[in-house]
PDB file of N, CA and C in Angstrom:
ATOM      1  N   MET A   1     135.821 104.841  76.672  1.00  0.00           N
ATOM      2  CA  MET A   1     136.553 104.677  75.385  1.00  0.00           C
ATOM      3  C   MET A   1     138.079 104.973  75.587  1.00  0.00           C
ATOM      4  N   PHE A   2     138.835 104.124  74.964  1.00  0.00           N
ATOM      5  CA  PHE A   2     140.171 104.145  75.022  1.00  0.00           C
ATOM      6  C   PHE A   2     140.706 105.205  74.250  1.00  0.00           C
ATOM      7  N   PRO A   3     141.766 105.956  74.605  1.00  0.00           N
ATOM      8  CA  PRO A   3     142.544 107.087  73.765  1.00  0.00           C
ATOM      9  C   PRO A   3     143.275 106.267  72.699  1.00  0.00           C
ATOM     10  N   MET A   4     143.252 106.917  71.563  1.00  0.00           N
ATOM     11  CA  MET A   4     144.071 106.216  70.297  1.00  0.00           C
ATOM     12  C   MET A   4     145.412 106.517  70.389  1.00  0.00           C
ATOM     13  N   THR A   5     146.134 105.523  69.905  1.00  0.00           N
ATOM     14  CA  THR A   5     147.699 105.702  69.750  1.00  0.00           C
ATOM     15  C   THR A   5     147.906 106.663  68.527  1.00  0.00           C
ATOM     16  N   MET A   6     149.152 107.075  68.444  1.00  0.00           N
ATOM     17  CA  MET A   6     149.546 107.721  67.341  1.00  0.00           C
ATOM     18  C   MET A   6     149.491 107.070  66.007  1.00  0.00           C
ATOM     19  N   GLN A   7     149.707 105.728  65.987  1.00  0.00           N
ATOM     20  CA  GLN A   7     149.681 104.867  65.029  1.00  0.00           C
ATOM     21  C   GLN A   7     148.236 104.790  64.637  1.00  0.00           C
ATOM     22  N   GLN A   8     147.175 104.579  65.499  1.00  0.00           N
ATOM     23  CA  GLN A   8     145.811 104.655  65.053  1.00  0.00           C
ATOM     24  C   GLN A   8     145.240 105.906  64.544  1.00  0.00           C
ATOM     25  N   LEU A   9     145.692 107.035  65.222  1.00  0.00           N
ATOM     26  CA  LEU A   9     145.383 108.364  64.716  1.00  0.00           C
ATOM     27  C   LEU A   9     146.043 108.635  63.175  1.00  0.00           C
ATOM     28  N   ARG A  10     147.158 108.078  62.885  1.00  0.00           N
ATOM     29  CA  ARG A  10     147.804 108.241  61.551  1.00  0.00           C
ATOM     30  C   ARG A  10     147.031 107.460  60.667  1.00  0.00           C
ATOM     31  N   ASP A  11     146.706 106.173  60.948  1.00  0.00           N
ATOM     32  CA  ASP A  11     145.985 105.328  60.098  1.00  0.00           C
ATOM     33  C   ASP A  11     144.499 105.873  59.890  1.00  0.00           C
ATOM     34  N   ARG A  12     143.939 106.618  60.857  1.00  0.00           N
ATOM     35  CA  ARG A  12     142.639 107.185  60.658  1.00  0.00           C
ATOM     36  C   ARG A  12     142.651 108.415  59.755  1.00  0.00           C
ATOM     37  N   MET A  13     143.787 109.233  59.864  1.00  0.00           N
ATOM     38  CA  MET A  13     144.038 110.250  59.055  1.00  0.00           C
ATOM     39  C   MET A  13     144.197 109.802  57.590  1.00  0.00           C
ATOM     40  N   ILE A  14     144.884 108.870  57.323  1.00  0.00           N
ATOM     41  CA  ILE A  14     145.144 108.284  56.017  1.00  0.00           C
ATOM     42  C   ILE A  14     143.865 107.893  55.376  1.00  0.00           C
ATOM     43  N   GLN A  15     143.064 107.122  56.081  1.00  0.00           N
ATOM     44  CA  GLN A  15     141.732 106.679  55.750  1.00  0.00           C
ATOM     45  C   GLN A  15     140.958 107.856  55.214  1.00  0.00           C
ATOM     46  N   TYR A  16     140.944 108.988  56.061  1.00  0.00           N
ATOM     47  CA  TYR A  16     140.083 110.067  55.697  1.00  0.00           C
ATOM     48  C   TYR A  16     140.648 110.809  54.514  1.00  0.00           C
ATOM     49  N   LEU A  17     142.019 110.804  54.355  1.00  0.00           N
ATOM     50  CA  LEU A  17     142.440 111.487  53.074  1.00  0.00           C
ATOM     51  C   LEU A  17     142.149 110.777  51.762  1.00  0.00           C
ATOM     52  N   THR A  18     142.453 109.242  51.929  1.00  0.00           N
ATOM     53  CA  THR A  18     142.306 108.547  50.757  1.00  0.00           C
ATOM     54  C   THR A  18     140.918 108.076  50.456  1.00  0.00           C
ATOM     55  N   ILE A  19     140.085 107.806  51.321  1.00  0.00           N
ATOM     56  CA  ILE A  19     138.877 107.387  51.118  1.00  0.00           C
ATOM     57  C   ILE A  19     137.688 108.395  51.263  1.00  0.00           C
ATOM     58  N   THR A  20     137.624 109.044  52.453  1.00  0.00           N
ATOM     59  CA  THR A  20     136.410 109.846  52.739  1.00  0.00           C
ATOM     60  C   THR A  20     136.418 111.168  51.815  1.00  0.00           C
ATOM     61  N   ILE A  21     137.510 111.831  51.558  1.00  0.00           N
ATOM     62  CA  ILE A  21     137.361 113.074  50.911  1.00  0.00           C
ATOM     63  C   ILE A  21     137.024 112.833  49.518  1.00  0.00           C
ATOM     64  N   PRO A  22     137.781 111.777  48.592  1.00  0.00           N
ATOM     65  CA  PRO A  22     137.341 111.643  47.333  1.00  0.00           C
ATOM     66  C   PRO A  22     135.850 111.045  47.209  1.00  0.00           C
ATOM     67  N   LEU A  23     135.403 110.242  48.235  1.00  0.00           N
ATOM     68  CA  LEU A  23     134.035 109.799  48.234  1.00  0.00           C
ATOM     69  C   LEU A  23     133.061 111.108  48.361  1.00  0.00           C
ATOM     70  N   GLY A  24     133.268 111.885  49.476  1.00  0.00           N
ATOM     71  CA  GLY A  24     132.489 112.998  49.509  1.00  0.00           C
ATOM     72  C   GLY A  24     132.394 113.940  48.497  1.00  0.00           C
ATOM     73  N   THR A  25     133.534 114.220  47.900  1.00  0.00           N
ATOM     74  CA  THR A  25     133.704 115.167  46.626  1.00  0.00           C
ATOM     75  C   THR A  25     132.962 114.573  45.496  1.00  0.00           C
ATOM     76  N   PHE A  26     132.887 113.177  45.385  1.00  0.00           N
ATOM     77  CA  PHE A  26     132.190 112.471  44.295  1.00  0.00           C
ATOM     78  C   PHE A  26     130.786 112.761  44.359  1.00  0.00           C
ATOM     79  N   ILE A  27     130.291 112.656  45.641  1.00  0.00           N
ATOM     80  CA  ILE A  27     128.886 112.853  45.948  1.00  0.00           C
ATOM     81  C   ILE A  27     128.471 114.280  45.556  1.00  0.00           C
ATOM     82  N   VAL A  28     129.347 115.102  45.940  1.00  0.00           N
ATOM     83  CA  VAL A  28     128.992 116.635  45.833  1.00  0.00           C
ATOM     84  C   VAL A  28     128.976 116.793  44.062  1.00  0.00           C
ATOM     85  N   SER A  29     129.809 116.220  43.504  1.00  0.00           N
ATOM     86  CA  SER A  29     129.920 116.296  41.925  1.00  0.00           C
ATOM     87  C   SER A  29     128.702 115.737  41.372  1.00  0.00           C
ATOM     88  N   VAL A  30     128.186 114.569  41.759  1.00  0.00           N
ATOM     89  CA  VAL A  30     127.020 113.978  41.157  1.00  0.00           C
ATOM     90  C   VAL A  30     125.833 114.965  41.523  1.00  0.00           C
ATOM     91  N   LEU A  31     125.737 115.542  42.784  1.00  0.00           N
ATOM     92  CA  LEU A  31     124.718 116.499  43.046  1.00  0.00           C
ATOM     93  C   LEU A  31     124.751 117.680  42.140  1.00  0.00           C
ATOM     94  N   ALA A  32     126.015 118.188  42.147  1.00  0.00           N
ATOM     95  CA  ALA A  32     126.139 119.421  41.182  1.00  0.00           C
ATOM     96  C   ALA A  32     125.639 119.047  39.744  1.00  0.00           C
ATOM     97  N   LEU A  33     126.080 117.862  39.229  1.00  0.00           N
ATOM     98  CA  LEU A  33     125.637 117.505  37.833  1.00  0.00           C
ATOM     99  C   LEU A  33     124.132 117.376  37.597  1.00  0.00           C
ATOM    100  N   CYS A  34     123.430 116.752  38.811  1.00  0.00           N
ATOM    101  CA  CYS A  34     122.036 116.627  38.753  1.00  0.00           C
ATOM    102  C   CYS A  34     121.475 117.947  38.705  1.00  0.00           C
ATOM    103  N   TYR A  35     122.019 118.971  39.434  1.00  0.00           N
ATOM    104  CA  TYR A  35     121.505 120.308  39.534  1.00  0.00           C
ATOM    105  C   TYR A  35     121.542 121.099  38.173  1.00  0.00           C
ATOM    106  N   PHE A  36     122.723 120.937  37.497  1.00  0.00           N
ATOM    107  CA  PHE A  36     122.973 121.506  36.263  1.00  0.00           C
ATOM    108  C   PHE A  36     121.927 120.838  35.088  1.00  0.00           C
ATOM    109  N   VAL A  37     122.039 119.574  35.090  1.00  0.00           N
ATOM    110  CA  VAL A  37     121.331 118.760  33.936  1.00  0.00           C
ATOM    111  C   VAL A  37     119.832 119.015  34.040  1.00  0.00           C
ATOM    112  N   TRP A  38     119.278 118.483  35.337  1.00  0.00           N
ATOM    113  CA  TRP A  38     117.995 118.121  35.497  1.00  0.00           C
ATOM    114  C   TRP A  38     117.164 119.436  35.959  1.00  0.00           C
ATOM    115  N   TRP A  39     117.693 120.126  36.979  1.00  0.00           N
ATOM    116  CA  TRP A  39     116.900 121.147  37.567  1.00  0.00           C
ATOM    117  C   TRP A  39     116.984 122.453  36.812  1.00  0.00           C
ATOM    118  N   SER A  40     118.188 122.790  36.224  1.00  0.00           N
ATOM    119  CA  SER A  40     118.342 123.978  35.586  1.00  0.00           C
ATOM    120  C   SER A  40     118.397 123.889  34.087  1.00  0.00           C
ATOM    121  N   GLY A  41     118.379 122.704  33.630  1.00  0.00           N
ATOM    122  CA  GLY A  41     118.396 122.446  32.226  1.00  0.00           C
ATOM    123  C   GLY A  41     119.551 122.719  31.321  1.00  0.00           C
ATOM    124  N   ASP A  42     120.599 122.980  32.073  1.00  0.00           N
ATOM    125  CA  ASP A  42     121.852 123.335  31.217  1.00  0.00           C
ATOM    126  C   ASP A  42     122.543 122.111  30.892  1.00  0.00           C
ATOM    127  N   HIS A  43     122.775 121.870  29.561  1.00  0.00           N
ATOM    128  CA  HIS A  43     123.443 120.592  29.162  1.00  0.00           C
ATOM    129  C   HIS A  43     124.629 120.964  28.373  1.00  0.00           C
ATOM    130  N   SER A  44     125.348 121.969  28.897  1.00  0.00           N
ATOM    131  CA  SER A  44     126.598 122.373  28.019  1.00  0.00           C
ATOM    132  C   SER A  44     127.694 121.775  28.697  1.00  0.00           C
ATOM    133  N   THR A  45     128.834 121.768  27.986  1.00  0.00           N
ATOM    134  CA  THR A  45     130.039 121.131  28.538  1.00  0.00           C
ATOM    135  C   THR A  45     130.586 122.024  29.610  1.00  0.00           C
ATOM    136  N   GLY A  46     130.425 123.289  29.694  1.00  0.00           N
ATOM    137  CA  GLY A  46     130.816 124.085  30.857  1.00  0.00           C
ATOM    138  C   GLY A  46     130.199 123.586  32.267  1.00  0.00           C
ATOM    139  N   ALA A  47     128.981 123.193  32.162  1.00  0.00           N
ATOM    140  CA  ALA A  47     128.203 122.615  33.246  1.00  0.00           C
ATOM    141  C   ALA A  47     128.766 121.323  33.720  1.00  0.00           C
ATOM    142  N   LEU A  48     129.069 120.495  32.830  1.00  0.00           N
ATOM    143  CA  LEU A  48     129.697 119.365  33.258  1.00  0.00           C
ATOM    144  C   LEU A  48     131.193 119.403  33.758  1.00  0.00           C
ATOM    145  N   ILE A  49     131.954 120.332  33.335  1.00  0.00           N
ATOM    146  CA  ILE A  49     133.261 120.583  33.820  1.00  0.00           C
ATOM    147  C   ILE A  49     133.181 121.262  35.219  1.00  0.00           C
ATOM    148  N   TYR A  50     132.288 122.166  35.333  1.00  0.00           N
ATOM    149  CA  TYR A  50     131.987 122.838  36.554  1.00  0.00           C
ATOM    150  C   TYR A  50     131.613 121.883  37.715  1.00  0.00           C
ATOM    151  N   SER A  51     130.733 120.949  37.296  1.00  0.00           N
ATOM    152  CA  SER A  51     130.183 120.148  38.338  1.00  0.00           C
ATOM    153  C   SER A  51     131.184 118.962  38.659  1.00  0.00           C
ATOM    154  N   LEU A  52     132.331 118.753  37.918  1.00  0.00           N
ATOM    155  CA  LEU A  52     133.383 117.882  38.195  1.00  0.00           C
ATOM    156  C   LEU A  52     134.402 118.487  38.938  1.00  0.00           C
ATOM    157  N   ILE A  53     134.455 119.621  39.035  1.00  0.00           N
ATOM    158  CA  ILE A  53     135.565 120.440  39.880  1.00  0.00           C
ATOM    159  C   ILE A  53     135.686 119.813  41.224  1.00  0.00           C
ATOM    160  N   PRO A  54     134.621 119.712  42.109  1.00  0.00           N
ATOM    161  CA  PRO A  54     134.877 119.283  43.411  1.00  0.00           C
ATOM    162  C   PRO A  54     135.451 118.042  43.455  1.00  0.00           C
ATOM    163  N   PHE A  55     134.985 117.044  42.644  1.00  0.00           N
ATOM    164  CA  PHE A  55     135.831 115.537  42.617  1.00  0.00           C
ATOM    165  C   PHE A  55     137.258 115.660  42.261  1.00  0.00           C
ATOM    166  N   ILE A  56     137.527 116.535  41.168  1.00  0.00           N
ATOM    167  CA  ILE A  56     138.965 116.806  40.871  1.00  0.00           C
ATOM    168  C   ILE A  56     139.804 117.424  42.100  1.00  0.00           C
ATOM    169  N   MET A  57     139.248 118.194  42.776  1.00  0.00           N
ATOM    170  CA  MET A  57     139.970 118.880  43.785  1.00  0.00           C
ATOM    171  C   MET A  57     140.105 117.754  45.044  1.00  0.00           C
ATOM    172  N   GLY A  58     139.150 116.981  45.287  1.00  0.00           N
ATOM    173  CA  GLY A  58     139.079 115.784  46.241  1.00  0.00           C
ATOM    174  C   GLY A  58     140.350 114.857  45.840  1.00  0.00           C
ATOM    175  N   ILE A  59     140.347 114.572  44.500  1.00  0.00           N
ATOM    176  CA  ILE A  59     141.529 113.693  44.202  1.00  0.00           C
ATOM    177  C   ILE A  59     142.841 114.253  44.399  1.00  0.00           C
ATOM    178  N   LEU A  60     142.993 115.666  44.037  1.00  0.00           N
ATOM    179  CA  LEU A  60     144.250 116.367  44.353  1.00  0.00           C
ATOM    180  C   LEU A  60     144.588 116.443  45.856  1.00  0.00           C
ATOM    181  N   ILE A  61     143.578 116.477  46.738  1.00  0.00           N
ATOM    182  CA  ILE A  61     143.648 116.667  48.043  1.00  0.00           C
ATOM    183  C   ILE A  61     144.201 115.315  48.604  1.00  0.00           C
ATOM    184  N   SER A  62     143.838 114.284  48.098  1.00  0.00           N
ATOM    185  CA  SER A  62     144.053 113.041  48.564  1.00  0.00           C
ATOM    186  C   SER A  62     145.396 112.487  48.097  1.00  0.00           C
ATOM    187  N   ILE A  63     146.060 113.086  47.101  1.00  0.00           N
ATOM    188  CA  ILE A  63     147.344 112.490  46.606  1.00  0.00           C
ATOM    189  C   ILE A  63     148.413 112.441  47.914  1.00  0.00           C
ATOM    190  N   PRO A  64     148.645 113.418  48.822  1.00  0.00           N
ATOM    191  CA  PRO A  64     149.571 113.250  49.722  1.00  0.00           C
ATOM    192  C   PRO A  64     149.175 111.963  50.656  1.00  0.00           C
ATOM    193  N   GLY A  65     148.004 111.591  50.825  1.00  0.00           N
ATOM    194  CA  GLY A  65     147.501 110.662  51.628  1.00  0.00           C
ATOM    195  C   GLY A  65     148.115 109.366  51.082  1.00  0.00           C
ATOM    196  N   TRP A  66     148.179 109.115  49.746  1.00  0.00           N
ATOM    197  CA  TRP A  66     148.593 107.980  49.131  1.00  0.00           C
ATOM    198  C   TRP A  66     150.191 107.756  49.423  1.00  0.00           C
ATOM    199  N   PHE A  67     151.003 108.813  49.441  1.00  0.00           N
ATOM    200  CA  PHE A  67     152.335 108.738  49.730  1.00  0.00           C
ATOM    201  C   PHE A  67     152.542 108.593  51.234  1.00  0.00           C
ATOM    202  N   TRP A  68     151.699 109.153  52.036  1.00  0.00           N
ATOM    203  CA  TRP A  68     151.803 109.053  53.502  1.00  0.00           C
ATOM    204  C   TRP A  68     151.478 107.637  53.698  1.00  0.00           C
ATOM    205  N   LYS A  69     150.655 106.848  53.147  1.00  0.00           N
ATOM    206  CA  LYS A  69     150.341 105.562  53.553  1.00  0.00           C
ATOM    207  C   LYS A  69     151.572 104.690  53.221  1.00  0.00           C
ATOM    208  N   ARG A  70     152.204 104.821  52.004  1.00  0.00           N
ATOM    209  CA  ARG A  70     153.337 103.948  51.641  1.00  0.00           C
ATOM    210  C   ARG A  70     154.438 104.228  52.763  1.00  0.00           C
ATOM    211  N   GLU A  71     154.685 105.434  53.058  1.00  0.00           N
ATOM    212  CA  GLU A  71     155.627 105.655  53.942  1.00  0.00           C
ATOM    213  C   GLU A  71     155.459 105.133  55.376  1.00  0.00           C
ATOM    214  N   ALA A  72     154.155 105.200  55.745  1.00  0.00           N
ATOM    215  CA  ALA A  72     153.772 104.657  57.178  1.00  0.00           C
ATOM    216  C   ALA A  72     153.907 103.224  57.029  1.00  0.00           C
ATOM    217  N   GLN A  73     153.654 102.416  55.859  1.00  0.00           N
ATOM    218  CA  GLN A  73     153.822 101.162  55.870  1.00  0.00           C
ATOM    219  C   GLN A  73     155.433 100.667  55.912  1.00  0.00           C
ATOM    220  N   LYS A  74     156.221 101.413  55.267  1.00  0.00           N
ATOM    221  CA  LYS A  74     157.606 101.232  55.262  1.00  0.00           C
ATOM    222  C   LYS A  74     158.087 101.432  56.845  1.00  0.00           C
ATOM    223  N   HIS A  75     157.658 102.463  57.561  1.00  0.00           N
ATOM    224  CA  HIS A  75     157.998 102.873  58.732  1.00  0.00           C
ATOM    225  C   HIS A  75     157.526 101.644  59.817  1.00  0.00           C
ATOM    226  N   ASP A  76     156.502 101.155  59.612  1.00  0.00           N
ATOM    227  CA  ASP A  76     155.889  99.942  60.438  1.00  0.00           C
ATOM    228  C   ASP A  76     156.672  98.679  60.152  1.00  0.00           C
ATOM    229  N   ASN A  77     157.163  98.504  58.895  1.00  0.00           N
ATOM    230  CA  ASN A  77     157.829  97.247  58.526  1.00  0.00           C
ATOM    231  C   ASN A  77     159.335  97.336  59.136  1.00  0.00           C
ATOM    232  N   LYS A  78     159.872  98.540  59.357  1.00  0.00           N
ATOM    233  CA  LYS A  78     161.111  98.705  60.043  1.00  0.00           C
ATOM    234  C   LYS A  78     161.010  98.463  61.563  1.00  0.00           C
ATOM    235  N   GLN A  79     160.005  98.731  62.149  1.00  0.00           N
ATOM    236  CA  GLN A  79     159.788  98.486  63.561  1.00  0.00           C
ATOM    237  C   GLN A  79     159.777  97.074  63.983  1.00  0.00           C
ATOM    238  N   LYS A  80     159.257  96.296  63.101  1.00  0.00           N
ATOM    239  CA  LYS A  80     159.051  94.744  63.235  1.00  0.00           C
ATOM    240  C   LYS A  80     160.416  93.982  63.425  1.00  0.00           C
TER     241      LYS A  80
END
């Protein structure tokens, strides 16, 4: 297997920040919602809010990746 260049590593990290983290935290939030609503029988608003916290945190963590992607595209266009 060939070693990755810095540009490929950067693109992989951007993909991880902007796609994988929000998707993973969304899955965790759905599982938490299922736990609170179905398995423990808690239908309160607090349970809904508590189950959405991982997804909200995932979105907040991914925000720098969106800016990083835009700056990376500008940098790549300057090199051409």
